[in-house]
C-alpha atoms as a PDB file:
ATOM      1  CA  MET A   1      39.307  64.641  84.481  1.00  0.00           C
ATOM      2  CA  LEU A   2      39.940  63.794  80.784  1.00  0.00           C
ATOM      3  CA  VAL A   3      43.808  63.691  79.683  1.00  0.00           C
ATOM      4  CA  PRO A   4      44.677  65.795  76.824  1.00  0.00           C
ATOM      5  CA  ASN A   5      46.397  62.638  75.004  1.00  0.00           C
ATOM      6  CA  PHE A   6      42.793  61.102  75.161  1.00  0.00           C
ATOM      7  CA  GLN A   7      40.303  63.891  75.334  1.00  0.00           C
ATOM      8  CA  CYS A   8      39.947  63.683  71.369  1.00  0.00           C
ATOM      9  CA  GLN A   9      39.073  59.829  72.082  1.00  0.00           C
ATOM     10  CA  SER A  10      35.781  60.524  73.782  1.00  0.00           C
ATOM     11  CA  ARG A  11      34.027  60.181  71.253  1.00  0.00           C
ATOM     12  CA  PHE A  12      34.436  56.524  70.926  1.00  0.00           C
ATOM     13  CA  LEU A  13      33.559  55.819  73.981  1.00  0.00           C
ATOM     14  CA  VAL A  14      30.254  57.418  73.309  1.00  0.00           C
ATOM     15  CA  ILE A  15      29.661  55.304  70.055  1.00  0.00           C
ATOM     16  CA  GLY A  16      30.227  52.534  72.478  1.00  0.00           C
ATOM     17  CA  VAL A  17      27.608  53.430  74.616  1.00  0.00           C
ATOM     18  CA  PHE A  18      24.917  53.751  71.443  1.00  0.00           C
ATOM     19  CA  VAL A  19      26.522  50.562  70.112  1.00  0.00           C
ATOM     20  CA  GLU A  20      25.687  48.566  73.315  1.00  0.00           C
ATOM     21  CA  LEU A  21      22.209  50.209  73.749  1.00  0.00           C
ATOM     22  CA  PHE A  22      21.289  48.796  70.466  1.00  0.00           C
ATOM     23  CA  ARG A  23      22.702  45.593  71.571  1.00  0.00           C
ATOM     24  CA  MET A  24      20.894  45.683  74.519  1.00  0.00           C
ATOM     25  CA  LEU A  25      17.423  46.705  72.999  1.00  0.00           C
ATOM     26  CA  GLY A  26      17.595  44.205  70.123  1.00  0.00           C
ATOM     27  CA  ASN A  27      18.492  41.152  72.844  1.00  0.00           C
ATOM     28  CA  THR A  28      16.149  42.150  74.997  1.00  0.00           C
ATOM     29  CA  LEU A  29      13.170  41.728  72.097  1.00  0.00           C
ATOM     30  CA  GLY A  30      15.190  38.322  71.177  1.00  0.00           C
ATOM     31  CA  ASN A  31      14.557  37.271  74.635  1.00  0.00           C
ATOM     32  CA  ALA A  32      10.757  37.857  74.018  1.00  0.00           C
ATOM     33  CA  ALA A  33      11.210  35.795  70.941  1.00  0.00           C
ATOM     34  CA  HIS A  34      13.010  32.833  72.418  1.00  0.00           C
ATOM     35  CA  ALA A  35      10.581  33.011  75.352  1.00  0.00           C
ATOM     36  CA  LYS A  36       7.061  32.229  72.521  1.00  0.00           C
ATOM     37  CA  ARG A  37      10.196  29.846  70.686  1.00  0.00           C
ATOM     38  CA  GLU A  38       9.584  32.087  67.673  1.00  0.00           C
ATOM     39  CA  THR A  39      13.606  32.038  67.121  1.00  0.00           C
ATOM     40  CA  LYS A  40      13.009  32.085  63.720  1.00  0.00           C
ATOM     41  CA  LEU A  41      12.390  35.885  63.870  1.00  0.00           C
ATOM     42  CA  LEU A  42      15.864  37.029  64.867  1.00  0.00           C
ATOM     43  CA  ALA A  43      17.483  35.520  61.875  1.00  0.00           C
ATOM     44  CA  ILE A  44      16.366  38.154  59.182  1.00  0.00           C
ATOM     45  CA  PRO A  45      17.181  41.013  61.356  1.00  0.00           C
ATOM     46  CA  TYR A  46      20.424  40.261  62.596  1.00  0.00           C
ATOM     47  CA  GLY A  47      21.617  38.989  58.713  1.00  0.00           C
ATOM     48  CA  PHE A  48      20.383  42.239  57.588  1.00  0.00           C
ATOM     49  CA  GLY A  49      22.346  44.208  60.397  1.00  0.00           C
ATOM     50  CA  ALA A  50      25.446  42.451  59.713  1.00  0.00           C
ATOM     51  CA  VAL A  51      25.083  43.197  55.996  1.00  0.00           C
ATOM     52  CA  VAL A  52      24.457  47.271  56.982  1.00  0.00           C
ATOM     53  CA  THR A  53      27.351  46.961  59.208  1.00  0.00           C
ATOM     54  CA  ILE A  54      29.449  45.651  56.770  1.00  0.00           C
ATOM     55  CA  CYS A  55      28.572  47.556  54.032  1.00  0.00           C
ATOM     56  CA  LEU A  56      28.960  51.266  55.386  1.00  0.00           C
ATOM     57  CA  PHE A  57      31.977  49.959  57.498  1.00  0.00           C
ATOM     58  CA  CYS A  58      33.494  49.026  53.440  1.00  0.00           C
ATOM     59  CA  LEU A  59      31.796  52.050  52.093  1.00  0.00           C
ATOM     60  CA  ALA A  60      33.763  54.493  54.981  1.00  0.00           C
ATOM     61  CA  GLY A  61      36.862  52.823  53.847  1.00  0.00           C
ATOM     62  CA  ILE A  62      36.645  53.083  50.058  1.00  0.00           C
ATOM     63  CA  LEU A  63      35.684  56.852  50.492  1.00  0.00           C
ATOM     64  CA  GLU A  64      38.539  57.057  52.941  1.00  0.00           C
ATOM     65  CA  LEU A  65      36.306  58.639  55.581  1.00  0.00           C
ATOM     66  CA  PRO A  66      37.156  59.148  59.385  1.00  0.00           C
ATOM     67  CA  ILE A  67      37.402  56.544  61.743  1.00  0.00           C
ATOM     68  CA  ASN A  68      34.617  58.106  63.408  1.00  0.00           C
ATOM     69  CA  VAL A  69      32.135  57.198  60.525  1.00  0.00           C
ATOM     70  CA  ALA A  70      33.516  53.771  60.015  1.00  0.00           C
ATOM     71  CA  ALA A  71      32.661  53.240  64.062  1.00  0.00           C
ATOM     72  CA  LEU A  72      29.017  54.591  63.217  1.00  0.00           C
ATOM     73  CA  SER A  73      28.555  52.187  61.123  1.00  0.00           C
ATOM     74  CA  MET A  74      28.262  49.658  64.101  1.00  0.00           C
ATOM     75  CA  VAL A  75      25.428  52.204  65.451  1.00  0.00           C
ATOM     76  CA  ALA A  76      23.792  52.138  62.150  1.00  0.00           C
ATOM     77  CA  GLY A  77      23.460  48.319  61.948  1.00  0.00           C
ATOM     78  CA  GLY A  78      22.129  48.020  65.574  1.00  0.00           C
ATOM     79  CA  VAL A  79      19.996  50.231  64.773  1.00  0.00           C
ATOM     80  CA  PHE A  80      18.492  48.829  61.672  1.00  0.00           C
ATOM     81  CA  VAL A  81      18.606  45.453  63.848  1.00  0.00           C
ATOM     82  CA  PHE A  82      16.830  46.938  66.626  1.00  0.00           C
ATOM     83  CA  VAL A  83      13.956  48.135  64.248  1.00  0.00           C
ATOM     84  CA  SER A  84      13.484  45.692  61.883  1.00  0.00           C
ATOM     85  CA  MET A  85      13.424  43.218  65.188  1.00  0.00           C
ATOM     86  CA  TRP A  86      10.686  45.461  66.626  1.00  0.00           C
ATOM     87  CA  PHE A  87       8.496  45.461  63.631  1.00  0.00           C
ATOM     88  CA  GLY A  88       9.209  41.571  62.551  1.00  0.00           C
ATOM     89  CA  ILE A  89       8.501  40.870  66.499  1.00  0.00           C
ATOM     90  CA  ARG A  90       5.516  43.058  66.933  1.00  0.00           C
ATOM     91  CA  LYS A  91       3.235  41.202  64.149  1.00  0.00           C
ATOM     92  CA  SER A  92       3.764  37.801  65.978  1.00  0.00           C
ATOM     93  CA  ILE A  93       4.327  38.945  69.644  1.00  0.00           C
ATOM     94  CA  LYS A  94       2.322  41.316  72.050  1.00  0.00           C
ATOM     95  CA  LEU A  95       4.663  43.849  73.354  1.00  0.00           C
ATOM     96  CA  THR A  96       3.635  46.584  75.455  1.00  0.00           C
ATOM     97  CA  ILE A  97       5.882  49.567  76.812  1.00  0.00           C
ATOM     98  CA  GLU A  98       5.546  51.124  79.788  1.00  0.00           C
ATOM     99  CA  ILE A  99       5.267  54.711  79.124  1.00  0.00           C
ATOM    100  CA  ARG A 100       5.661  55.871  82.128  1.00  0.00           C
ATOM    101  CA  GLN A 101       8.697  54.100  83.590  1.00  0.00           C
ATOM    102  CA  THR A 102      10.359  54.896  80.444  1.00  0.00           C
ATOM    103  CA  LEU A 103      10.178  58.612  80.883  1.00  0.00           C
ATOM    104  CA  PHE A 104      11.335  58.131  84.558  1.00  0.00           C
ATOM    105  CA  ALA A 105      14.189  55.849  83.349  1.00  0.00           C
ATOM    106  CA  CYS A 106      14.893  58.696  80.453  1.00  0.00           C
ATOM    107  CA  CYS A 107      14.380  61.798  83.111  1.00  0.00           C
ATOM    108  CA  PHE A 108      16.828  59.777  85.616  1.00  0.00           C
ATOM    109  CA  LEU A 109      19.217  59.095  82.688  1.00  0.00           C
ATOM    110  CA  LEU A 110      19.265  63.071  81.917  1.00  0.00           C
ATOM    111  CA  LEU A 111      20.043  63.839  85.454  1.00  0.00           C
ATOM    112  CA  SER A 112      22.987  61.628  85.985  1.00  0.00           C
ATOM    113  CA  VAL A 113      24.266  63.091  82.464  1.00  0.00           C
ATOM    114  CA  PHE A 114      24.138  66.749  84.197  1.00  0.00           C
ATOM    115  CA  LEU A 115      25.693  65.525  87.073  1.00  0.00           C
ATOM    116  CA  GLY A 116      27.991  63.600  85.466  1.00  0.00           C
ATOM    117  CA  ARG A 117      28.503  66.285  83.374  1.00  0.00           C
ATOM    118  CA  TYR A 118      28.723  69.188  85.602  1.00  0.00           C
ATOM    119  CA  MET A 119      30.804  67.957  88.698  1.00  0.00           C
ATOM    120  CA  PRO A 120      33.916  69.387  89.796  1.00  0.00           C
ATOM    121  CA  ASP A 121      37.030  67.158  89.172  1.00  0.00           C
ATOM    122  CA  PRO A 122      38.389  65.234  92.103  1.00  0.00           C
ATOM    123  CA  SER A 123      41.129  66.637  94.147  1.00  0.00           C
ATOM    124  CA  GLY A 124      42.554  63.491  94.914  1.00  0.00           C
ATOM    125  CA  LEU A 125      41.725  59.660  95.460  1.00  0.00           C
ATOM    126  CA  GLY A 126      39.485  60.393  98.759  1.00  0.00           C
ATOM    127  CA  MET A 127      37.294  62.912  96.784  1.00  0.00           C
ATOM    128  CA  ALA A 128      37.093  60.754  93.477  1.00  0.00           C
ATOM    129  CA  ILE A 129      35.842  57.685  95.934  1.00  0.00           C
ATOM    130  CA  CYS A 130      33.469  60.225  97.474  1.00  0.00           C
ATOM    131  CA  MET A 131      32.109  61.248  94.512  1.00  0.00           C
ATOM    132  CA  LEU A 132      31.800  57.716  92.965  1.00  0.00           C
ATOM    133  CA  LEU A 133      29.923  56.814  96.233  1.00  0.00           C
ATOM    134  CA  VAL A 134      27.416  59.668  95.866  1.00  0.00           C
ATOM    135  CA  LEU A 135      26.768  59.050  92.255  1.00  0.00           C
ATOM    136  CA  GLY A 136      26.566  55.204  92.970  1.00  0.00           C
ATOM    137  CA  VAL A 137      23.985  56.110  96.197  1.00  0.00           C
ATOM    138  CA  LEU A 138      22.153  58.144  93.367  1.00  0.00           C
ATOM    139  CA  ALA A 139      22.183  55.262  90.796  1.00  0.00           C
ATOM    140  CA  PHE A 140      21.124  52.989  93.576  1.00  0.00           C
ATOM    141  CA  ILE A 141      17.708  55.027  94.827  1.00  0.00           C
ATOM    142  CA  GLY A 142      16.687  55.575  90.785  1.00  0.00           C
ATOM    143  CA  VAL A 143      17.119  51.332  90.423  1.00  0.00           C
ATOM    144  CA  PHE A 144      15.209  51.093  93.447  1.00  0.00           C
ATOM    145  CA  LEU A 145      12.311  53.711  92.391  1.00  0.00           C
ATOM    146  CA  PHE A 146      12.019  52.226  89.029  1.00  0.00           C
ATOM    147  CA  LEU A 147      11.626  48.498  89.940  1.00  0.00           C
ATOM    148  CA  ARG A 148       9.797  49.376  93.311  1.00  0.00           C
ATOM    149  CA  ARG A 149       6.270  49.213  91.519  1.00  0.00           C
ATOM    150  CA  ASN A 150       7.191  47.197  88.441  1.00  0.00           C
ATOM    151  CA  MET A 151       4.483  44.701  87.812  1.00  0.00           C
ATOM    152  CA  ALA A 152       6.286  43.027  85.221  1.00  0.00           C
ATOM    153  CA  LEU A 153       9.227  42.502  87.936  1.00  0.00           C
ATOM    154  CA  LYS A 154       6.489  41.047  90.020  1.00  0.00           C
ATOM    155  CA  ARG A 155       5.062  38.711  87.666  1.00  0.00           C
ATOM    156  CA  LEU A 156       8.340  37.384  86.614  1.00  0.00           C
ATOM    157  CA  LEU A 157       9.490  36.674  90.541  1.00  0.00           C
ATOM    158  CA  SER A 158       6.218  35.125  91.291  1.00  0.00           C
ATOM    159  CA  VAL A 159       6.349  32.573  89.104  1.00  0.00           C
ATOM    160  CA  PRO A 160       8.365  29.110  90.005  1.00  0.00           C
ATOM    161  CA  LEU A 161      10.820  27.558  88.099  1.00  0.00           C
ATOM    162  CA  ARG A 162       9.973  24.009  86.518  1.00  0.00           C
ATOM    163  CA  ALA A 163      12.154  21.214  87.386  1.00  0.00           C
ATOM    164  CA  GLN A 164      13.419  19.689  84.421  1.00  0.00           C
END
């Protein structure tokens, strides 16, 4: 249930989700570069991403565009960082994407959005807690199914850590 005073601000939540998505994807690629001790591959994408974000933000201010457009400059910068990092790192480090698991995750995401969109408004605190519990159990099942046969996770967990 959205309070009418804040309902129009929900778009900032969506923008924040996309900012966080591209930040997380960029950090994942950054971890690959750190693991291979190739951190120099990160400087140019992050630098260009910062320049893109600042330029678009300033342009939105100069053109007196709505604040939503200025917030979208952060998404554009994140997309730029991720794409430039993907192409830069892919030249030096062999990256593979497991298509089947990615499609499973996307289908699960769409299911979650569908359930969240069409759930009824809770009539009280008990109903709200029950709905959160049901969504939490569904999320747990999805994560379990996603990680159950994940070979990369099994490889990661099977490697003993070195003592320094």
